[in-house]
Structure formats: structure tokens, C-alpha cells
Amino acid sequence: MPALNVEFSPDEMARLRERATLAGKSLKQHVHDVTVQEADRIAFVEGAVAEAERILPGVTDRFPAGLR
């Protein structure tokens, strides 16, 4: 399975360990989950922006400025 070696400052590592403990996860699992969730969040936002850009011309044509 592919792996990634990422360096953190001591303060960053302490914060990550604290968050992992609060989440009831190992540090490895917490960092994995947060990284994947953030990538998925960014993909969702980019998709939402693309969809908004696609439909916005129709909305502005259909609803005058005072009705938007």
C-alpha cells in the first residue's frame, strides 16, 4: 500500500497527537482520515463552484437584479 512520510514541527506533532486522542484514534489513523476528508471537501467545493458557474447565467437571465 502506498505511504507518505510527512515531517511536522514538535508543536504541530503535539497538536496532532492531542486531536487524535480526543477523536479516540491512533495518530496514524487520525492523520489519514483528516487528510482524506480535506481532499474530499476541496473536491466537493470545486464541484459546487463549477455547478454554480454553470447555472448562474440562467439564474441572472431569469431573475432581474432586484429579485435575486
N, C-alpha and C. Protein backbone atom coordinates (compact mmCIF):
# COMPACT_ATOMS: atom_id res chain seq x y z
N MET A 1 0.86 -1.18 0.00
CA MET A 1 0.00 0.00 0.00
C MET A 1 0.90 1.24 0.00
N PRO A 2 0.57 2.25 -0.81
CA PRO A 2 1.38 3.47 -0.82
C PRO A 2 1.39 4.15 0.54
N ALA A 3 2.49 4.81 0.84
CA ALA A 3 2.63 5.52 2.11
C ALA A 3 3.25 6.87 1.85
N LEU A 4 3.17 7.72 2.86
CA LEU A 4 3.67 9.08 2.75
C LEU A 4 4.39 9.43 4.05
N ASN A 5 5.59 9.94 3.94
CA ASN A 5 6.35 10.36 5.11
C ASN A 5 6.29 11.88 5.17
N VAL A 6 5.66 12.40 6.21
CA VAL A 6 5.46 13.84 6.34
C VAL A 6 6.13 14.32 7.61
N GLU A 7 6.85 15.43 7.53
CA GLU A 7 7.53 15.98 8.71
C GLU A 7 6.67 17.06 9.35
N PHE A 8 6.68 17.10 10.69
CA PHE A 8 5.95 18.09 11.46
C PHE A 8 6.87 18.69 12.50
N SER A 9 6.62 19.93 12.87
CA SER A 9 7.36 20.54 13.97
C SER A 9 6.91 19.88 15.27
N PRO A 10 7.69 20.00 16.33
CA PRO A 10 7.26 19.42 17.60
C PRO A 10 5.89 19.94 18.06
N ASP A 11 5.63 21.22 17.86
CA ASP A 11 4.34 21.79 18.25
C ASP A 11 3.20 21.21 17.40
N GLU A 12 3.42 21.09 16.11
CA GLU A 12 2.40 20.51 15.23
C GLU A 12 2.12 19.06 15.63
N MET A 13 3.18 18.31 15.91
CA MET A 13 3.00 16.91 16.29
C MET A 13 2.22 16.79 17.60
N ALA A 14 2.51 17.66 18.54
CA ALA A 14 1.78 17.64 19.82
C ALA A 14 0.30 17.94 19.59
N ARG A 15 0.03 18.90 18.73
CA ARG A 15 -1.37 19.23 18.43
C ARG A 15 -2.07 18.07 17.74
N LEU A 16 -1.39 17.42 16.81
CA LEU A 16 -1.98 16.28 16.12
C LEU A 16 -2.23 15.13 17.09
N ARG A 17 -1.28 14.86 17.97
CA ARG A 17 -1.47 13.79 18.96
C ARG A 17 -2.66 14.08 19.86
N GLU A 18 -2.79 15.35 20.27
CA GLU A 18 -3.92 15.73 21.12
C GLU A 18 -5.24 15.52 20.40
N ARG A 19 -5.32 15.94 19.15
CA ARG A 19 -6.56 15.77 18.38
C ARG A 19 -6.87 14.30 18.16
N ALA A 20 -5.85 13.51 17.89
CA ALA A 20 -6.07 12.07 17.69
C ALA A 20 -6.61 11.43 18.96
N THR A 21 -6.04 11.81 20.09
CA THR A 21 -6.50 11.28 21.37
C THR A 21 -7.95 11.67 21.61
N LEU A 22 -8.29 12.93 21.37
CA LEU A 22 -9.67 13.38 21.55
C LEU A 22 -10.63 12.65 20.63
N ALA A 23 -10.16 12.29 19.44
CA ALA A 23 -11.00 11.57 18.48
C ALA A 23 -11.03 10.07 18.76
N GLY A 24 -10.21 9.63 19.71
CA GLY A 24 -10.17 8.21 20.04
C GLY A 24 -9.52 7.37 18.95
N LYS A 25 -8.56 7.97 18.25
CA LYS A 25 -7.90 7.29 17.13
C LYS A 25 -6.39 7.29 17.35
N SER A 26 -5.74 6.38 16.65
CA SER A 26 -4.28 6.44 16.62
C SER A 26 -3.88 7.69 15.83
N LEU A 27 -2.67 8.13 16.05
CA LEU A 27 -2.17 9.29 15.31
C LEU A 27 -2.20 9.00 13.81
N LYS A 28 -1.76 7.81 13.43
CA LYS A 28 -1.74 7.44 12.01
C LYS A 28 -3.13 7.48 11.41
N GLN A 29 -4.10 6.89 12.09
CA GLN A 29 -5.48 6.87 11.57
C GLN A 29 -6.07 8.27 11.51
N HIS A 30 -5.80 9.07 12.53
CA HIS A 30 -6.33 10.45 12.56
C HIS A 30 -5.78 11.27 11.39
N VAL A 31 -4.46 11.21 11.19
CA VAL A 31 -3.85 11.99 10.09
C VAL A 31 -4.38 11.49 8.75
N HIS A 32 -4.52 10.19 8.60
CA HIS A 32 -5.09 9.63 7.36
C HIS A 32 -6.49 10.17 7.13
N ASP A 33 -7.35 10.04 8.14
CA ASP A 33 -8.75 10.44 8.00
C ASP A 33 -8.90 11.93 7.70
N VAL A 34 -8.16 12.76 8.42
CA VAL A 34 -8.25 14.21 8.22
C VAL A 34 -7.76 14.59 6.82
N THR A 35 -6.70 13.96 6.37
CA THR A 35 -6.16 14.27 5.04
C THR A 35 -7.15 13.89 3.94
N VAL A 36 -7.71 12.70 4.04
CA VAL A 36 -8.68 12.26 3.03
C VAL A 36 -9.95 13.12 3.08
N GLN A 37 -10.42 13.44 4.28
CA GLN A 37 -11.62 14.29 4.42
C GLN A 37 -11.39 15.66 3.80
N GLU A 38 -10.20 16.23 4.01
CA GLU A 38 -9.91 17.55 3.44
C GLU A 38 -9.85 17.48 1.91
N ALA A 39 -9.25 16.44 1.37
CA ALA A 39 -9.21 16.30 -0.09
C ALA A 39 -10.62 16.16 -0.65
N ASP A 40 -11.47 15.39 0.03
CA ASP A 40 -12.86 15.23 -0.40
C ASP A 40 -13.63 16.55 -0.29
N ARG A 41 -13.37 17.31 0.77
CA ARG A 41 -14.05 18.60 0.97
C ARG A 41 -13.69 19.57 -0.16
N ILE A 42 -12.41 19.62 -0.49
CA ILE A 42 -11.96 20.51 -1.56
C ILE A 42 -12.59 20.10 -2.90
N ALA A 43 -12.64 18.81 -3.17
CA ALA A 43 -13.26 18.33 -4.41
C ALA A 43 -14.74 18.71 -4.45
N PHE A 44 -15.43 18.59 -3.32
CA PHE A 44 -16.84 18.96 -3.25
C PHE A 44 -17.02 20.45 -3.53
N VAL A 45 -16.21 21.28 -2.89
CA VAL A 45 -16.33 22.74 -3.08
C VAL A 45 -16.04 23.11 -4.53
N GLU A 46 -15.02 22.50 -5.11
CA GLU A 46 -14.71 22.79 -6.51
C GLU A 46 -15.87 22.38 -7.42
N GLY A 47 -16.49 21.24 -7.14
CA GLY A 47 -17.64 20.81 -7.91
C GLY A 47 -18.83 21.74 -7.75
N ALA A 48 -19.04 22.21 -6.51
CA ALA A 48 -20.15 23.14 -6.25
C ALA A 48 -19.91 24.47 -6.97
N VAL A 49 -18.69 24.95 -6.96
CA VAL A 49 -18.36 26.19 -7.66
C VAL A 49 -18.58 26.03 -9.16
N ALA A 50 -18.14 24.91 -9.71
CA ALA A 50 -18.32 24.67 -11.15
C ALA A 50 -19.81 24.63 -11.49
N GLU A 51 -20.61 23.97 -10.66
CA GLU A 51 -22.05 23.89 -10.91
C GLU A 51 -22.70 25.27 -10.80
N ALA A 52 -22.29 26.05 -9.81
CA ALA A 52 -22.83 27.41 -9.66
C ALA A 52 -22.48 28.26 -10.89
N GLU A 53 -21.25 28.14 -11.36
CA GLU A 53 -20.85 28.89 -12.55
C GLU A 53 -21.65 28.44 -13.78
N ARG A 54 -21.99 27.16 -13.83
CA ARG A 54 -22.76 26.64 -14.95
C ARG A 54 -24.18 27.17 -14.96
N ILE A 55 -24.83 27.26 -13.79
CA ILE A 55 -26.23 27.66 -13.75
C ILE A 55 -26.44 29.15 -13.53
N LEU A 56 -25.41 29.87 -13.08
CA LEU A 56 -25.58 31.29 -12.77
C LEU A 56 -26.09 32.12 -13.95
N PRO A 57 -25.60 31.93 -15.18
CA PRO A 57 -26.14 32.74 -16.28
C PRO A 57 -27.65 32.57 -16.44
N GLY A 58 -28.16 31.37 -16.29
CA GLY A 58 -29.60 31.15 -16.40
C GLY A 58 -30.36 31.82 -15.27
N VAL A 59 -29.79 31.83 -14.09
CA VAL A 59 -30.44 32.47 -12.94
C VAL A 59 -30.48 33.97 -13.14
N THR A 60 -29.38 34.55 -13.56
CA THR A 60 -29.36 36.02 -13.74
C THR A 60 -30.25 36.44 -14.90
N ASP A 61 -30.38 35.59 -15.91
CA ASP A 61 -31.28 35.92 -17.03
C ASP A 61 -32.74 35.82 -16.59
N ARG A 62 -33.04 34.86 -15.76
CA ARG A 62 -34.43 34.59 -15.37
C ARG A 62 -34.92 35.54 -14.28
N PHE A 63 -34.02 35.92 -13.38
CA PHE A 63 -34.42 36.79 -12.26
C PHE A 63 -33.68 38.11 -12.33
N PRO A 64 -34.38 39.20 -12.52
CA PRO A 64 -33.75 40.52 -12.56
C PRO A 64 -33.02 40.81 -11.24
N ALA A 65 -32.10 41.74 -11.30
CA ALA A 65 -31.24 42.04 -10.16
C ALA A 65 -32.03 42.28 -8.87
N GLY A 66 -33.15 42.95 -8.93
CA GLY A 66 -33.92 43.24 -7.73
C GLY A 66 -34.64 42.04 -7.15
N LEU A 67 -34.71 40.94 -7.89
CA LEU A 67 -35.41 39.73 -7.44
C LEU A 67 -34.46 38.60 -7.04
N ARG A 68 -33.18 38.85 -7.07
CA ARG A 68 -32.20 37.81 -6.70
C ARG A 68 -31.85 37.88 -5.26
